[in-house]
Amino acid sequence: MYCFRTTISVFDMFRKKLKFLILLIVTTISLGFIMTYMDFYQPRIVPCFQVTTQNNVSTTTGSTLCVSATSGHQFEKRRPDSCSKHNHAAFLKVHKAGSTTVMDIFLRYAIQNRLNIVLPKRSDGFGFNYLGYEETLLRDNLVPLQKYQTYDILCNHVIYNRTAFRSILPNDTMYIAILREPIRHFISSGIYYYFFDELCKIYNTTNSSKAISTFLNNPSALDMATTYFHNKMSFDLGLPPSQFENITYINNYVQELDKDFALVMILEYFDESLVLMKRYLCWELQDIIYLPLNSIGEVKYPMLTFEDEKNLRKFNFADFQLYEYFQNIFGQKVQAEGPLFFQEVKHFKLIQQKVKNYCNSTMQSDKSYYPLMVPRSTWNKEFFITHSDCKFMSQDELLLMHNLIEEAWGRYNQSLKTKG
């Protein structure tokens, strides 16, 4: 009995080893086929990179951005000839796309470097902070400059127009914009401008998701202004409303925008966008430190069904085309930076968290705080963040704009007296 059991055990062991050997051979052969397939079809494989998705409405989540490898853009031609700080820049401030935070970065940089900001001539009243309220740039609407001076930084709301912008800004101006995923953009705008509340009143319901579904099912049935919700990003970038559904015109227009703008940032990849912007402008890491501004905060977001999203894609057709094109271009530009780019982004995120913690502490206390020292690293020189920096990064946009306009008028009027 004992010998029989031993024979069975030896046989079982042999059988298990044989199965393992066969499995190993099959796996090796399979891997060989897979690697051969990948080498042969490499141009068709869509590269992806792992990033942290961050926006001013929702919490931070993990995300993967995939890009097409067939564009053939020569991104190195978009950069300055030499890596010295680029002081001529136009940032297209797109509504509800994290643009206030980016505008604050540009304003802070302009002030610290004593650059001339393109500012609206009015310092109060409705829409005074706009360079053009639903219109493009006009010199008569701006605070004038002293003789022989030029504008350096533009970052206020205005509708983009190639001819108008180039008539005012220097020839070497670098153009930058920002976009947001269209579904999130629609929801954020609907909450911020109380559009969903109005829909609930119109459709006599307390369920905002139901109200949105009713609206998206037939938007033309509602006799109500929808300027901030209907292809608003495309409109800010100068696409005429009459062409919102013209696929040929949209495709041609988007490609022209791609020629004009060195970088179109993507809000869902905000920190990656800022580091890329820093590299294109040859700025320092401390130049792009920020505190989030003008965010909605903690609110309950309406849920959109699959049918809602399909209808929204029809309603905001141009915005979807615009976003998907530039999201792809953005991914290619990040890929072109190489693996060290992700190390810099990781470092930037760590510094950002330290700055956020420091500013939260110093802004909520009457105590005097020592400046936050950020040590020298591969990615930055040593620099300090002070209580004053925190105050500047968190101050109200309209108050800041009012003060800047008043100061600009003061300098201009003083120059007239000096000339006289």
Foldseek 3Di string as FASTA:
>chain_A
DVVVVVVVVVVVVVVVVVVVVVVVVVVVVVVVVVVVVCVVCVLVDWDKDKAWFDFLEDHIDTDIFTFHPPPPDPLVVLFDPDLDFQQAAEELQFPPFLLVFVLLLNVVVCVVVVFAEWAFQDQDDPPRRACADLAAHDPVRTLDDDPPHAHGYYRTQGADDVVRVPVRTDPPYAYEYEAEQLVVQLQQLCVVVVVLVVLCVVVVHPASQVSLQVCLVPVVVDPDDDCSRFLRRVSSHPDDPVCQPPVVVLVVVLVVVVVRHSAYHYNRRPLLRLLLVCRRSSHALVSSQADRPPRPPDDDTHDYDPVSVVSSCVRRVSSNVNVVVRSNVSRVSSVVVPDVSVVVSVVSVVVNVVVVVVQVVLVVDPDADDWDWDDDDPRHHIDTHHNVNSCSRHDDPSVVSSVVSVVSNVVRVVSVVVVD
